[in-house]
Amino acid sequence: MTPGLRRLYVPRSAKVDANRAGEPTSVDGVAVEAVREQWVVEDRWWTPQPLGRRYFELALADGRNLVVFRSTLSGCWYQQRG
């Protein structure tokens, strides 16, 4: 990265409970009220470091809207400002 520049919206790890279909049911202990949208990103498959993510835009019980994703490569969950 170029000196003096910083990345915006860097993903942070999140504790996500999911149902059998892989859809989030809670994030950091807060219930998911609705899954508003979901999508898959697969990129850089031709490189040594491919990217695979399944994203969810969520409405949480505490009134927040949140975007989370699960890495299809590591299985880890992250939250990211959208």
N, C-alpha and C. Protein backbone atom coordinates (compact mmCIF):
# COMPACT_ATOMS: atom_id res chain seq x y z
N MET A 1 0.84 -1.18 0.00
CA MET A 1 0.00 0.00 0.00
C MET A 1 0.89 1.24 0.00
N THR A 2 0.43 2.28 -0.61
CA THR A 2 1.18 3.53 -0.71
C THR A 2 1.26 4.20 0.66
N PRO A 3 2.46 4.69 1.05
CA PRO A 3 2.59 5.37 2.33
C PRO A 3 1.62 6.55 2.42
N GLY A 4 1.03 6.74 3.61
CA GLY A 4 0.10 7.84 3.82
C GLY A 4 -1.35 7.50 3.49
N LEU A 5 -1.58 6.35 2.86
CA LEU A 5 -2.94 5.93 2.55
C LEU A 5 -3.37 4.85 3.54
N ARG A 6 -4.66 4.80 3.82
CA ARG A 6 -5.17 3.74 4.69
C ARG A 6 -6.40 3.11 4.04
N ARG A 7 -6.61 1.86 4.34
CA ARG A 7 -7.75 1.14 3.79
C ARG A 7 -9.01 1.53 4.55
N LEU A 8 -10.09 1.75 3.81
CA LEU A 8 -11.38 2.03 4.42
C LEU A 8 -12.17 0.74 4.58
N TYR A 9 -12.99 0.68 5.60
CA TYR A 9 -13.91 -0.44 5.80
C TYR A 9 -13.21 -1.79 5.87
N VAL A 10 -12.14 -1.85 6.65
CA VAL A 10 -11.40 -3.09 6.81
C VAL A 10 -12.28 -4.08 7.57
N PRO A 11 -12.43 -5.31 7.09
CA PRO A 11 -13.26 -6.29 7.79
C PRO A 11 -12.73 -6.60 9.19
N ARG A 12 -13.67 -6.80 10.12
CA ARG A 12 -13.32 -7.18 11.49
C ARG A 12 -13.98 -8.52 11.78
N SER A 13 -13.31 -9.36 12.55
CA SER A 13 -13.89 -10.66 12.86
C SER A 13 -15.18 -10.47 13.66
N ALA A 14 -16.11 -11.42 13.48
CA ALA A 14 -17.39 -11.36 14.16
C ALA A 14 -17.78 -12.75 14.63
N LYS A 15 -18.49 -12.81 15.75
CA LYS A 15 -19.03 -14.09 16.22
C LYS A 15 -20.43 -14.22 15.65
N VAL A 16 -20.58 -15.14 14.73
CA VAL A 16 -21.85 -15.33 14.03
C VAL A 16 -22.35 -16.75 14.27
N ASP A 17 -23.61 -16.85 14.68
CA ASP A 17 -24.28 -18.15 14.74
C ASP A 17 -25.12 -18.25 13.48
N ALA A 18 -25.11 -19.42 12.86
CA ALA A 18 -25.81 -19.59 11.59
C ALA A 18 -26.69 -20.84 11.66
N ASN A 19 -27.73 -20.86 10.82
CA ASN A 19 -28.59 -22.03 10.73
C ASN A 19 -27.95 -23.07 9.79
N ARG A 20 -28.67 -24.16 9.57
CA ARG A 20 -28.11 -25.24 8.73
C ARG A 20 -27.87 -24.82 7.28
N ALA A 21 -28.60 -23.81 6.83
CA ALA A 21 -28.43 -23.30 5.47
C ALA A 21 -27.25 -22.33 5.37
N GLY A 22 -26.63 -22.02 6.51
CA GLY A 22 -25.49 -21.11 6.51
C GLY A 22 -25.86 -19.65 6.66
N GLU A 23 -27.15 -19.34 6.92
CA GLU A 23 -27.59 -17.96 7.08
C GLU A 23 -27.44 -17.54 8.54
N PRO A 24 -26.96 -16.33 8.79
CA PRO A 24 -26.76 -15.87 10.16
C PRO A 24 -28.08 -15.79 10.95
N THR A 25 -28.02 -16.22 12.21
CA THR A 25 -29.17 -16.11 13.11
C THR A 25 -28.87 -15.12 14.24
N SER A 26 -27.59 -14.89 14.52
CA SER A 26 -27.19 -13.85 15.48
C SER A 26 -25.76 -13.41 15.17
N VAL A 27 -25.48 -12.15 15.53
CA VAL A 27 -24.14 -11.59 15.33
C VAL A 27 -23.73 -10.96 16.66
N ASP A 28 -22.62 -11.44 17.21
CA ASP A 28 -22.12 -10.94 18.49
C ASP A 28 -23.22 -10.93 19.55
N GLY A 29 -24.06 -11.97 19.55
CA GLY A 29 -25.11 -12.13 20.55
C GLY A 29 -26.40 -11.39 20.27
N VAL A 30 -26.50 -10.66 19.16
CA VAL A 30 -27.71 -9.91 18.81
C VAL A 30 -28.44 -10.69 17.71
N ALA A 31 -29.74 -10.95 17.93
CA ALA A 31 -30.53 -11.73 16.98
C ALA A 31 -30.68 -11.03 15.64
N VAL A 32 -30.69 -11.83 14.59
CA VAL A 32 -30.96 -11.32 13.24
C VAL A 32 -32.46 -11.32 13.02
N GLU A 33 -33.02 -10.16 12.72
CA GLU A 33 -34.46 -10.03 12.44
C GLU A 33 -34.77 -10.41 11.00
N ALA A 34 -33.87 -10.03 10.07
CA ALA A 34 -34.12 -10.33 8.66
C ALA A 34 -32.81 -10.34 7.88
N VAL A 35 -32.75 -11.23 6.91
CA VAL A 35 -31.67 -11.20 5.92
C VAL A 35 -32.23 -10.42 4.75
N ARG A 36 -31.69 -9.23 4.53
CA ARG A 36 -32.23 -8.36 3.48
C ARG A 36 -31.73 -8.75 2.09
N GLU A 37 -30.49 -9.18 2.04
CA GLU A 37 -29.90 -9.53 0.75
C GLU A 37 -28.71 -10.44 1.01
N GLN A 38 -28.39 -11.27 0.04
CA GLN A 38 -27.16 -12.08 0.13
C GLN A 38 -26.58 -12.24 -1.27
N TRP A 39 -25.25 -12.35 -1.30
CA TRP A 39 -24.56 -12.49 -2.58
C TRP A 39 -23.20 -13.16 -2.34
N VAL A 40 -22.64 -13.67 -3.42
CA VAL A 40 -21.35 -14.36 -3.37
C VAL A 40 -20.36 -13.61 -4.24
N VAL A 41 -19.14 -13.46 -3.73
CA VAL A 41 -18.04 -12.86 -4.49
C VAL A 41 -16.93 -13.91 -4.59
N GLU A 42 -16.55 -14.21 -5.81
CA GLU A 42 -15.40 -15.08 -6.07
C GLU A 42 -14.51 -14.33 -7.02
N ASP A 43 -13.29 -14.05 -6.57
CA ASP A 43 -12.38 -13.22 -7.35
C ASP A 43 -10.97 -13.74 -7.16
N ARG A 44 -10.10 -13.29 -8.01
CA ARG A 44 -8.67 -13.64 -7.97
C ARG A 44 -8.44 -15.15 -7.98
N TRP A 45 -9.35 -15.91 -8.60
CA TRP A 45 -9.22 -17.36 -8.64
C TRP A 45 -7.99 -17.81 -9.42
N TRP A 46 -7.46 -16.93 -10.21
CA TRP A 46 -6.30 -17.25 -11.04
C TRP A 46 -4.98 -16.97 -10.32
N THR A 47 -5.05 -16.45 -9.09
CA THR A 47 -3.84 -16.09 -8.33
C THR A 47 -3.59 -17.10 -7.22
N PRO A 48 -2.41 -17.03 -6.58
CA PRO A 48 -2.14 -17.90 -5.44
C PRO A 48 -3.00 -17.57 -4.20
N GLN A 49 -3.64 -16.39 -4.20
CA GLN A 49 -4.49 -15.99 -3.07
C GLN A 49 -5.89 -15.64 -3.55
N PRO A 50 -6.70 -16.67 -3.88
CA PRO A 50 -8.05 -16.41 -4.35
C PRO A 50 -8.93 -15.83 -3.24
N LEU A 51 -10.04 -15.22 -3.64
CA LEU A 51 -10.98 -14.61 -2.70
C LEU A 51 -12.34 -15.23 -2.92
N GLY A 52 -12.94 -15.74 -1.85
CA GLY A 52 -14.28 -16.29 -1.92
C GLY A 52 -15.04 -15.87 -0.67
N ARG A 53 -16.16 -15.17 -0.86
CA ARG A 53 -16.95 -14.68 0.28
C ARG A 53 -18.43 -14.81 0.00
N ARG A 54 -19.18 -15.17 1.04
CA ARG A 54 -20.65 -15.16 0.97
C ARG A 54 -21.13 -14.05 1.90
N TYR A 55 -21.71 -13.02 1.32
CA TYR A 55 -22.12 -11.82 2.05
C TYR A 55 -23.60 -11.88 2.43
N PHE A 56 -23.93 -11.22 3.56
CA PHE A 56 -25.31 -11.07 4.01
C PHE A 56 -25.52 -9.65 4.50
N GLU A 57 -26.55 -8.99 4.01
CA GLU A 57 -26.97 -7.71 4.56
C GLU A 57 -28.09 -8.02 5.55
N LEU A 58 -27.90 -7.62 6.82
CA LEU A 58 -28.80 -8.03 7.89
C LEU A 58 -29.48 -6.85 8.57
N ALA A 59 -30.68 -7.10 9.08
CA ALA A 59 -31.35 -6.20 10.01
C ALA A 59 -31.31 -6.90 11.36
N LEU A 60 -30.71 -6.26 12.36
CA LEU A 60 -30.56 -6.86 13.68
C LEU A 60 -31.66 -6.41 14.63
N ALA A 61 -31.88 -7.18 15.69
CA ALA A 61 -32.92 -6.90 16.67
C ALA A 61 -32.70 -5.58 17.39
N ASP A 62 -31.45 -5.10 17.45
CA ASP A 62 -31.18 -3.82 18.14
C ASP A 62 -31.34 -2.61 17.21
N GLY A 63 -31.84 -2.84 15.99
CA GLY A 63 -32.11 -1.75 15.05
C GLY A 63 -31.00 -1.46 14.07
N ARG A 64 -29.85 -2.10 14.23
CA ARG A 64 -28.73 -1.85 13.31
C ARG A 64 -28.90 -2.63 12.02
N ASN A 65 -28.35 -2.08 10.96
CA ASN A 65 -28.16 -2.80 9.70
C ASN A 65 -26.68 -3.13 9.61
N LEU A 66 -26.36 -4.33 9.19
CA LEU A 66 -24.98 -4.78 9.22
C LEU A 66 -24.72 -5.69 8.02
N VAL A 67 -23.52 -5.62 7.49
CA VAL A 67 -23.08 -6.54 6.44
C VAL A 67 -22.04 -7.47 7.06
N VAL A 68 -22.28 -8.77 6.95
CA VAL A 68 -21.31 -9.77 7.40
C VAL A 68 -20.99 -10.67 6.21
N PHE A 69 -19.83 -11.32 6.29
CA PHE A 69 -19.51 -12.31 5.27
C PHE A 69 -18.74 -13.45 5.88
N ARG A 70 -18.87 -14.60 5.23
CA ARG A 70 -18.13 -15.79 5.63
C ARG A 70 -17.16 -16.11 4.51
N SER A 71 -15.89 -16.25 4.88
CA SER A 71 -14.89 -16.63 3.90
C SER A 71 -15.15 -18.08 3.50
N THR A 72 -15.31 -18.33 2.21
CA THR A 72 -15.54 -19.70 1.76
C THR A 72 -14.26 -20.52 1.79
N LEU A 73 -13.14 -19.83 1.98
CA LEU A 73 -11.85 -20.53 2.05
C LEU A 73 -11.48 -20.91 3.48
N SER A 74 -11.66 -19.99 4.43
CA SER A 74 -11.28 -20.26 5.82
C SER A 74 -12.45 -20.65 6.71
N GLY A 75 -13.68 -20.29 6.31
CA GLY A 75 -14.85 -20.55 7.13
C GLY A 75 -15.06 -19.52 8.22
N CYS A 76 -14.21 -18.51 8.30
CA CYS A 76 -14.31 -17.47 9.33
C CYS A 76 -15.34 -16.42 8.93
N TRP A 77 -15.97 -15.82 9.95
CA TRP A 77 -16.96 -14.76 9.74
C TRP A 77 -16.35 -13.40 10.03
N TYR A 78 -16.81 -12.40 9.27
CA TYR A 78 -16.33 -11.01 9.43
C TYR A 78 -17.51 -10.06 9.27
N GLN A 79 -17.38 -8.89 9.88
CA GLN A 79 -18.35 -7.82 9.63
C GLN A 79 -17.62 -6.70 8.94
N GLN A 80 -18.37 -5.99 8.12
CA GLN A 80 -17.76 -4.93 7.33
C GLN A 80 -18.78 -3.84 7.13
N ARG A 81 -18.36 -2.61 7.33
CA ARG A 81 -19.25 -1.49 7.08
C ARG A 81 -19.57 -1.43 5.60
N GLY A 82 -20.81 -1.22 5.27
CA GLY A 82 -21.21 -1.22 3.87
C GLY A 82 -21.40 0.16 3.32
